[in-house]
Amino acid sequence: MSGLKPETRKHLLQVGVANIANTLLKRGFRNVIPHGVRPLNPRQPCLVGEAFTLRFIPAREDLDHMGAYNRDDNLHRVAIETCPAGKVLVIDALGSTAAASMGDMMAWRLVARGVAGVVSDGGFRDSESIRLTGLPCYAQGVAIPATPIRLHPVALEEPVGCGGVAVYPGDVIVGDVEGVAVIPATLVDAVAEEAFAATAYEEFAAEQIRAGRSLLGLFPSTPESRQEYEDWLQGKEHT
């Protein structure tokens, strides 16, 4: 069950990852965008959900083989079967595309279980089939070799690194056509509200710029342009 407030979720679906990054930067958070992680399908829905984490380490030959995937206690399989509905499975794959973080059968199972999406700093196999699931998925790219060749699952619901960004269980993941942002859970309501307000101001600024106005004194905003924006909003409310 998601702990996100409905209004917070609504705002996050509308603001965009770049705006979230700017909002977090104002609070001193510089490293919130997992490097190299991109949408598997540019037309997939935007993603919002709390993080459920899976961590891999490098594989070792005596422990990692396809037979291990027949075991019910294999943590990769357990992650697929226990990630709660509405949450985002975040996979620390060591930034490696040498073996798959997930394939299409796992993606279909996540869809059936109502999981919101998957973010990995590794790669996916069966990528075209995963696209057909409609599940929002983000990764470095394609990784055809089977998981046990390079990756060994060791932990669920612990802090992980994904694309060079720290992700703690319960942090909020937002994904759009450009990539994903990680919002610390304690800041999500305030960040969502501020980013939503910034997005609304950008609508006003874009209208002005398209009409030929200079960026100077408009974007970033000034006290004077903020007042213009408030007047613009009131005008829209009366039309």
C-alpha atoms as a PDB file:
ATOM      1  CA  MET A   1       0.000   0.000   0.000  1.00  0.00           C
ATOM      2  CA  SER A   2       1.394   3.401  -1.022  1.00  0.00           C
ATOM      3  CA  GLY A   3       1.956   6.008   1.660  1.00  0.00           C
ATOM      4  CA  LEU A   4       1.911   8.872  -0.846  1.00  0.00           C
ATOM      5  CA  LYS A   5      -0.797  11.473  -0.401  1.00  0.00           C
ATOM      6  CA  PRO A   6      -3.121  11.635  -3.450  1.00  0.00           C
ATOM      7  CA  GLU A   7      -2.342  15.343  -3.984  1.00  0.00           C
ATOM      8  CA  THR A   8       1.401  14.663  -3.810  1.00  0.00           C
ATOM      9  CA  ARG A   9       1.114  11.871  -6.363  1.00  0.00           C
ATOM     10  CA  LYS A  10      -0.995  14.077  -8.644  1.00  0.00           C
ATOM     11  CA  HIS A  11       1.585  16.860  -8.525  1.00  0.00           C
ATOM     12  CA  LEU A  12       4.542  14.541  -9.127  1.00  0.00           C
ATOM     13  CA  LEU A  13       2.893  13.126 -12.237  1.00  0.00           C
ATOM     14  CA  GLN A  14       2.764  16.627 -13.722  1.00  0.00           C
ATOM     15  CA  VAL A  15       6.064  18.268 -12.817  1.00  0.00           C
ATOM     16  CA  GLY A  16       8.825  16.395 -14.667  1.00  0.00           C
ATOM     17  CA  VAL A  17      12.162  15.044 -13.489  1.00  0.00           C
ATOM     18  CA  ALA A  18      14.181  18.150 -14.392  1.00  0.00           C
ATOM     19  CA  ASN A  19      11.920  20.340 -12.271  1.00  0.00           C
ATOM     20  CA  ILE A  20      12.234  17.938  -9.341  1.00  0.00           C
ATOM     21  CA  ALA A  21      16.040  18.038  -9.676  1.00  0.00           C
ATOM     22  CA  ASN A  22      15.974  21.849  -9.535  1.00  0.00           C
ATOM     23  CA  THR A  23      13.687  21.820  -6.511  1.00  0.00           C
ATOM     24  CA  LEU A  24      15.950  19.396  -4.652  1.00  0.00           C
ATOM     25  CA  LEU A  25      19.019  21.424  -5.623  1.00  0.00           C
ATOM     26  CA  LYS A  26      17.547  24.413  -3.757  1.00  0.00           C
ATOM     27  CA  ARG A  27      17.578  22.185  -0.673  1.00  0.00           C
ATOM     28  CA  GLY A  28      21.212  21.192  -1.213  1.00  0.00           C
ATOM     29  CA  PHE A  29      20.622  17.809  -2.897  1.00  0.00           C
ATOM     30  CA  ARG A  30      22.881  17.660  -5.955  1.00  0.00           C
ATOM     31  CA  ASN A  31      22.932  13.927  -6.692  1.00  0.00           C
ATOM     32  CA  VAL A  32      19.363  12.777  -7.324  1.00  0.00           C
ATOM     33  CA  ILE A  33      19.333  11.640 -10.978  1.00  0.00           C
ATOM     34  CA  PRO A  34      20.669   8.092 -11.569  1.00  0.00           C
ATOM     35  CA  HIS A  35      23.299   8.449 -14.282  1.00  0.00           C
ATOM     36  CA  GLY A  36      22.597   6.783 -17.618  1.00  0.00           C
ATOM     37  CA  VAL A  37      19.196   5.413 -16.593  1.00  0.00           C
ATOM     38  CA  ARG A  38      16.659   5.994 -19.355  1.00  0.00           C
ATOM     39  CA  PRO A  39      13.117   4.835 -20.182  1.00  0.00           C
ATOM     40  CA  LEU A  40      12.966   1.533 -22.012  1.00  0.00           C
ATOM     41  CA  ASN A  41      10.046   2.916 -24.006  1.00  0.00           C
ATOM     42  CA  PRO A  42       9.829   6.711 -24.542  1.00  0.00           C
ATOM     43  CA  ARG A  43       6.044   6.372 -24.832  1.00  0.00           C
ATOM     44  CA  GLN A  44       5.584   4.531 -21.547  1.00  0.00           C
ATOM     45  CA  PRO A  45       3.519   6.190 -18.787  1.00  0.00           C
ATOM     46  CA  CYS A  46       5.211   8.442 -16.262  1.00  0.00           C
ATOM     47  CA  LEU A  47       6.251   6.710 -13.053  1.00  0.00           C
ATOM     48  CA  VAL A  48       5.633   7.638  -9.422  1.00  0.00           C
ATOM     49  CA  GLY A  49       6.069   5.293  -6.479  1.00  0.00           C
ATOM     50  CA  GLU A  50       8.002   4.470  -3.352  1.00  0.00           C
ATOM     51  CA  ALA A  51      11.201   2.465  -3.701  1.00  0.00           C
ATOM     52  CA  PHE A  52      11.443  -1.234  -2.894  1.00  0.00           C
ATOM     53  CA  THR A  53      15.112  -2.150  -3.263  1.00  0.00           C
ATOM     54  CA  LEU A  54      17.072  -5.152  -4.530  1.00  0.00           C
ATOM     55  CA  ARG A  55      20.871  -5.264  -4.375  1.00  0.00           C
ATOM     56  CA  PHE A  56      23.213  -7.404  -6.459  1.00  0.00           C
ATOM     57  CA  ILE A  57      26.924  -8.129  -5.988  1.00  0.00           C
ATOM     58  CA  PRO A  58      29.215  -9.768  -8.552  1.00  0.00           C
ATOM     59  CA  ALA A  59      28.423 -13.411  -9.229  1.00  0.00           C
ATOM     60  CA  ARG A  60      30.601 -16.287  -8.065  1.00  0.00           C
ATOM     61  CA  GLU A  61      30.748 -19.556  -9.959  1.00  0.00           C
ATOM     62  CA  ASP A  62      30.008 -21.921  -7.056  1.00  0.00           C
ATOM     63  CA  LEU A  63      26.848 -20.034  -6.123  1.00  0.00           C
ATOM     64  CA  ASP A  64      25.505 -18.593  -9.337  1.00  0.00           C
ATOM     65  CA  HIS A  65      24.083 -20.829 -12.050  1.00  0.00           C
ATOM     66  CA  MET A  66      20.710 -21.333 -13.688  1.00  0.00           C
ATOM     67  CA  GLY A  67      19.843 -24.025 -11.167  1.00  0.00           C
ATOM     68  CA  ALA A  68      19.815 -21.374  -8.450  1.00  0.00           C
ATOM     69  CA  TYR A  69      16.797 -19.814 -10.162  1.00  0.00           C
ATOM     70  CA  ASN A  70      14.769 -22.923  -9.363  1.00  0.00           C
ATOM     71  CA  ARG A  71      15.066 -22.130  -5.652  1.00  0.00           C
ATOM     72  CA  ASP A  72      12.163 -20.363  -3.970  1.00  0.00           C
ATOM     73  CA  ASP A  73      14.604 -18.429  -1.770  1.00  0.00           C
ATOM     74  CA  ASN A  74      16.455 -16.851  -4.702  1.00  0.00           C
ATOM     75  CA  LEU A  75      16.263 -13.166  -3.803  1.00  0.00           C
ATOM     76  CA  HIS A  76      15.834 -12.031  -7.388  1.00  0.00           C
ATOM     77  CA  ARG A  77      12.690 -14.145  -7.669  1.00  0.00           C
ATOM     78  CA  VAL A  78      11.622 -13.188  -4.140  1.00  0.00           C
ATOM     79  CA  ALA A  79      11.863  -9.500  -5.074  1.00  0.00           C
ATOM     80  CA  ILE A  80       9.468 -10.047  -7.970  1.00  0.00           C
ATOM     81  CA  GLU A  81       7.028 -11.896  -5.717  1.00  0.00           C
ATOM     82  CA  THR A  82       7.159  -9.506  -2.752  1.00  0.00           C
ATOM     83  CA  CYS A  83       7.531  -5.983  -4.156  1.00  0.00           C
ATOM     84  CA  PRO A  84       4.258  -4.403  -3.005  1.00  0.00           C
ATOM     85  CA  ALA A  85       1.630  -3.121  -5.412  1.00  0.00           C
ATOM     86  CA  GLY A  86       2.126   0.547  -6.222  1.00  0.00           C
ATOM     87  CA  LYS A  87       5.841   0.524  -5.394  1.00  0.00           C
ATOM     88  CA  VAL A  88       8.865   0.789  -7.682  1.00  0.00           C
ATOM     89  CA  LEU A  89      11.396  -2.041  -7.764  1.00  0.00           C
ATOM     90  CA  VAL A  90      14.796  -0.315  -7.695  1.00  0.00           C
ATOM     91  CA  ILE A  91      17.684  -2.605  -8.657  1.00  0.00           C
ATOM     92  CA  ASP A  92      21.309  -1.977  -7.799  1.00  0.00           C
ATOM     93  CA  ALA A  93      22.986  -3.927 -10.610  1.00  0.00           C
ATOM     94  CA  LEU A  94      26.439  -2.397 -10.109  1.00  0.00           C
ATOM     95  CA  GLY A  95      25.916  -0.322 -13.235  1.00  0.00           C
ATOM     96  CA  SER A  96      26.517  -3.465 -15.281  1.00  0.00           C
ATOM     97  CA  THR A  97      24.894  -4.433 -18.562  1.00  0.00           C
ATOM     98  CA  ALA A  98      26.974  -7.619 -18.717  1.00  0.00           C
ATOM     99  CA  ALA A  99      23.948  -9.617 -17.474  1.00  0.00           C
ATOM    100  CA  ALA A 100      20.220  -8.965 -17.249  1.00  0.00           C
ATOM    101  CA  SER A 101      18.567  -7.298 -14.265  1.00  0.00           C
ATOM    102  CA  MET A 102      15.196  -8.566 -15.480  1.00  0.00           C
ATOM    103  CA  GLY A 103      13.485 -10.340 -18.366  1.00  0.00           C
ATOM    104  CA  ASP A 104       9.973 -10.317 -19.767  1.00  0.00           C
ATOM    105  CA  MET A 105       8.534 -13.094 -17.565  1.00  0.00           C
ATOM    106  CA  MET A 106       9.475 -11.118 -14.459  1.00  0.00           C
ATOM    107  CA  ALA A 107       8.016  -7.946 -15.986  1.00  0.00           C
ATOM    108  CA  TRP A 108       4.721  -9.659 -16.730  1.00  0.00           C
ATOM    109  CA  ARG A 109       4.586 -10.956 -13.166  1.00  0.00           C
ATOM    110  CA  LEU A 110       5.131  -7.453 -11.795  1.00  0.00           C
ATOM    111  CA  VAL A 111       2.297  -6.164 -13.966  1.00  0.00           C
ATOM    112  CA  ALA A 112      -0.004  -8.864 -12.610  1.00  0.00           C
ATOM    113  CA  ARG A 113       0.940  -7.910  -9.064  1.00  0.00           C
ATOM    114  CA  GLY A 114       0.291  -4.188  -9.587  1.00  0.00           C
ATOM    115  CA  VAL A 115       3.876  -2.980  -9.170  1.00  0.00           C
ATOM    116  CA  ALA A 116       4.294   0.596 -10.435  1.00  0.00           C
ATOM    117  CA  GLY A 117       7.553   0.099 -12.372  1.00  0.00           C
ATOM    118  CA  VAL A 118      11.208  -0.933 -12.350  1.00  0.00           C
ATOM    119  CA  VAL A 119      14.418   1.110 -12.247  1.00  0.00           C
ATOM    120  CA  SER A 120      17.809  -0.550 -12.757  1.00  0.00           C
ATOM    121  CA  ASP A 121      21.269   0.838 -13.365  1.00  0.00           C
ATOM    122  CA  GLY A 122      21.946  -2.336 -15.359  1.00  0.00           C
ATOM    123  CA  GLY A 123      20.126  -3.692 -18.390  1.00  0.00           C
ATOM    124  CA  PHE A 124      17.101  -5.776 -19.376  1.00  0.00           C
ATOM    125  CA  ARG A 125      16.824  -8.745 -21.686  1.00  0.00           C
ATOM    126  CA  ASP A 126      13.682  -9.419 -23.789  1.00  0.00           C
ATOM    127  CA  SER A 127      13.369  -5.654 -24.026  1.00  0.00           C
ATOM    128  CA  GLU A 128      10.792  -5.628 -26.815  1.00  0.00           C
ATOM    129  CA  SER A 129       8.555  -8.016 -24.877  1.00  0.00           C
ATOM    130  CA  ILE A 130       8.974  -5.881 -21.748  1.00  0.00           C
ATOM    131  CA  ARG A 131       7.821  -2.857 -23.736  1.00  0.00           C
ATOM    132  CA  LEU A 132       4.651  -4.745 -24.629  1.00  0.00           C
ATOM    133  CA  THR A 133       3.800  -5.174 -20.950  1.00  0.00           C
ATOM    134  CA  GLY A 134       3.243  -1.418 -20.598  1.00  0.00           C
ATOM    135  CA  LEU A 135       5.196  -1.472 -17.325  1.00  0.00           C
ATOM    136  CA  PRO A 136       7.267   1.714 -16.891  1.00  0.00           C
ATOM    137  CA  CYS A 137      10.870   0.471 -16.918  1.00  0.00           C
ATOM    138  CA  TYR A 138      14.157   2.371 -16.754  1.00  0.00           C
ATOM    139  CA  ALA A 139      17.667   0.991 -17.287  1.00  0.00           C
ATOM    140  CA  GLN A 140      21.066   1.655 -18.866  1.00  0.00           C
ATOM    141  CA  GLY A 141      20.125  -0.425 -21.902  1.00  0.00           C
ATOM    142  CA  VAL A 142      19.917  -3.990 -23.181  1.00  0.00           C
ATOM    143  CA  ALA A 143      21.640  -6.870 -21.377  1.00  0.00           C
ATOM    144  CA  ILE A 144      21.126 -10.218 -23.075  1.00  0.00           C
ATOM    145  CA  PRO A 145      23.165 -12.681 -20.916  1.00  0.00           C
ATOM    146  CA  ALA A 146      21.361 -14.470 -18.079  1.00  0.00           C
ATOM    147  CA  THR A 147      21.562 -12.847 -14.640  1.00  0.00           C
ATOM    148  CA  PRO A 148      23.741 -15.496 -12.862  1.00  0.00           C
ATOM    149  CA  ILE A 149      26.593 -14.975 -15.302  1.00  0.00           C
ATOM    150  CA  ARG A 150      27.536 -11.701 -13.590  1.00  0.00           C
ATOM    151  CA  LEU A 151      25.059 -10.874 -10.790  1.00  0.00           C
ATOM    152  CA  HIS A 152      24.226 -12.396  -7.417  1.00  0.00           C
ATOM    153  CA  PRO A 153      21.210 -11.060  -5.433  1.00  0.00           C
ATOM    154  CA  VAL A 154      22.058 -10.460  -1.784  1.00  0.00           C
ATOM    155  CA  ALA A 155      19.591  -8.056  -0.149  1.00  0.00           C
ATOM    156  CA  LEU A 156      16.075  -6.662  -0.231  1.00  0.00           C
ATOM    157  CA  GLU A 157      14.857  -3.448   1.338  1.00  0.00           C
ATOM    158  CA  GLU A 158      18.283  -2.087   2.215  1.00  0.00           C
ATOM    159  CA  PRO A 159      19.876   1.170   1.020  1.00  0.00           C
ATOM    160  CA  VAL A 160      21.326   0.727  -2.472  1.00  0.00           C
ATOM    161  CA  GLY A 161      23.219   2.704  -5.071  1.00  0.00           C
ATOM    162  CA  CYS A 162      21.493   3.074  -8.444  1.00  0.00           C
ATOM    163  CA  GLY A 163      23.307   4.950 -11.170  1.00  0.00           C
ATOM    164  CA  GLY A 164      25.506   6.582  -8.528  1.00  0.00           C
ATOM    165  CA  VAL A 165      22.560   7.786  -6.434  1.00  0.00           C
ATOM    166  CA  ALA A 166      21.723   6.575  -2.928  1.00  0.00           C
ATOM    167  CA  VAL A 167      18.231   5.081  -2.743  1.00  0.00           C
ATOM    168  CA  TYR A 168      16.680   4.173   0.603  1.00  0.00           C
ATOM    169  CA  PRO A 169      13.571   2.002   0.906  1.00  0.00           C
ATOM    170  CA  GLY A 170      10.568   4.306   0.847  1.00  0.00           C
ATOM    171  CA  ASP A 171      12.261   7.089  -1.119  1.00  0.00           C
ATOM    172  CA  VAL A 172      10.006   8.307  -3.905  1.00  0.00           C
ATOM    173  CA  ILE A 173      10.932   7.566  -7.500  1.00  0.00           C
ATOM    174  CA  VAL A 174       9.617   9.777 -10.296  1.00  0.00           C
ATOM    175  CA  GLY A 175      10.220   8.887 -13.932  1.00  0.00           C
ATOM    176  CA  ASP A 176       9.426  10.642 -17.191  1.00  0.00           C
ATOM    177  CA  VAL A 177      10.641  10.570 -20.789  1.00  0.00           C
ATOM    178  CA  GLU A 178      14.122  11.788 -19.773  1.00  0.00           C
ATOM    179  CA  GLY A 179      14.952   9.608 -16.784  1.00  0.00           C
ATOM    180  CA  VAL A 180      14.236   9.255 -13.082  1.00  0.00           C
ATOM    181  CA  ALA A 181      14.661  11.327  -9.926  1.00  0.00           C
ATOM    182  CA  VAL A 182      14.982  10.097  -6.339  1.00  0.00           C
ATOM    183  CA  ILE A 183      13.224  12.155  -3.651  1.00  0.00           C
ATOM    184  CA  PRO A 184      14.001  11.509   0.029  1.00  0.00           C
ATOM    185  CA  ALA A 185      10.799  10.297   1.654  1.00  0.00           C
ATOM    186  CA  THR A 186      10.785  13.017   4.317  1.00  0.00           C
ATOM    187  CA  LEU A 187      10.794  15.777   1.673  1.00  0.00           C
ATOM    188  CA  VAL A 188       8.358  14.448  -0.869  1.00  0.00           C
ATOM    189  CA  ASP A 189       5.279  16.504   0.031  1.00  0.00           C
ATOM    190  CA  ALA A 190       7.179  19.806   0.104  1.00  0.00           C
ATOM    191  CA  VAL A 191       9.136  18.995  -3.069  1.00  0.00           C
ATOM    192  CA  ALA A 192       5.979  18.010  -4.950  1.00  0.00           C
ATOM    193  CA  GLU A 193       4.210  21.223  -3.978  1.00  0.00           C
ATOM    194  CA  GLU A 194       7.148  23.475  -4.840  1.00  0.00           C
ATOM    195  CA  ALA A 195       7.903  21.710  -8.129  1.00  0.00           C
ATOM    196  CA  PHE A 196       4.245  21.941  -9.132  1.00  0.00           C
ATOM    197  CA  ALA A 197       4.267  25.694  -8.463  1.00  0.00           C
ATOM    198  CA  ALA A 198       7.476  26.057 -10.504  1.00  0.00           C
ATOM    199  CA  THR A 199       5.902  24.153 -13.395  1.00  0.00           C
ATOM    200  CA  ALA A 200       2.931  26.513 -13.371  1.00  0.00           C
ATOM    201  CA  TYR A 201       5.254  29.540 -13.463  1.00  0.00           C
ATOM    202  CA  GLU A 202       7.140  27.985 -16.393  1.00  0.00           C
ATOM    203  CA  GLU A 203       3.886  27.817 -18.346  1.00  0.00           C
ATOM    204  CA  PHE A 204       3.582  31.582 -17.952  1.00  0.00           C
ATOM    205  CA  ALA A 205       7.269  32.159 -18.794  1.00  0.00           C
ATOM    206  CA  ALA A 206       7.086  29.962 -21.897  1.00  0.00           C
ATOM    207  CA  GLU A 207       4.101  31.926 -23.155  1.00  0.00           C
ATOM    208  CA  GLN A 208       6.031  35.172 -22.700  1.00  0.00           C
ATOM    209  CA  ILE A 209       9.168  33.846 -24.393  1.00  0.00           C
ATOM    210  CA  ARG A 210       7.205  32.552 -27.381  1.00  0.00           C
ATOM    211  CA  ALA A 211       5.811  36.057 -27.738  1.00  0.00           C
ATOM    212  CA  GLY A 212       9.373  37.403 -28.058  1.00  0.00           C
ATOM    213  CA  ARG A 213      10.219  38.419 -24.503  1.00  0.00           C
ATOM    214  CA  SER A 214      13.793  38.170 -23.190  1.00  0.00           C
ATOM    215  CA  LEU A 215      14.798  35.654 -20.549  1.00  0.00           C
ATOM    216  CA  LEU A 216      16.258  38.504 -18.500  1.00  0.00           C
ATOM    217  CA  GLY A 217      13.974  39.480 -15.676  1.00  0.00           C
ATOM    218  CA  LEU A 218      11.679  36.565 -16.449  1.00  0.00           C
ATOM    219  CA  PHE A 219      13.484  33.253 -16.079  1.00  0.00           C
ATOM    220  CA  PRO A 220      14.597  32.595 -13.435  1.00  0.00           C
ATOM    221  CA  SER A 221      11.819  34.576 -11.837  1.00  0.00           C
ATOM    222  CA  THR A 222      12.199  37.928 -10.114  1.00  0.00           C
ATOM    223  CA  PRO A 223       9.843  39.576  -7.598  1.00  0.00           C
ATOM    224  CA  GLU A 224       8.472  41.664 -10.458  1.00  0.00           C
ATOM    225  CA  SER A 225       7.896  38.724 -12.796  1.00  0.00           C
ATOM    226  CA  ARG A 226       6.275  36.771  -9.954  1.00  0.00           C
ATOM    227  CA  GLN A 227       3.772  39.589  -9.579  1.00  0.00           C
ATOM    228  CA  GLU A 228       3.145  39.493 -13.325  1.00  0.00           C
ATOM    229  CA  TYR A 229       2.590  35.775 -13.003  1.00  0.00           C
ATOM    230  CA  GLU A 230       0.040  36.270 -10.203  1.00  0.00           C
ATOM    231  CA  ASP A 231      -1.819  38.786 -12.379  1.00  0.00           C
ATOM    232  CA  TRP A 232      -1.668  36.320 -15.291  1.00  0.00           C
ATOM    233  CA  LEU A 233      -3.138  33.588 -13.107  1.00  0.00           C
ATOM    234  CA  GLN A 234      -5.985  35.817 -12.016  1.00  0.00           C
ATOM    235  CA  GLY A 235      -6.679  36.653 -15.642  1.00  0.00           C
ATOM    236  CA  LYS A 236      -6.884  32.978 -16.513  1.00  0.00           C
ATOM    237  CA  GLU A 237      -9.296  32.363 -13.654  1.00  0.00           C
ATOM    238  CA  HIS A 238     -11.679  34.975 -15.057  1.00  0.00           C
ATOM    239  CA  THR A 239     -11.666  33.702 -18.634  1.00  0.00           C
END
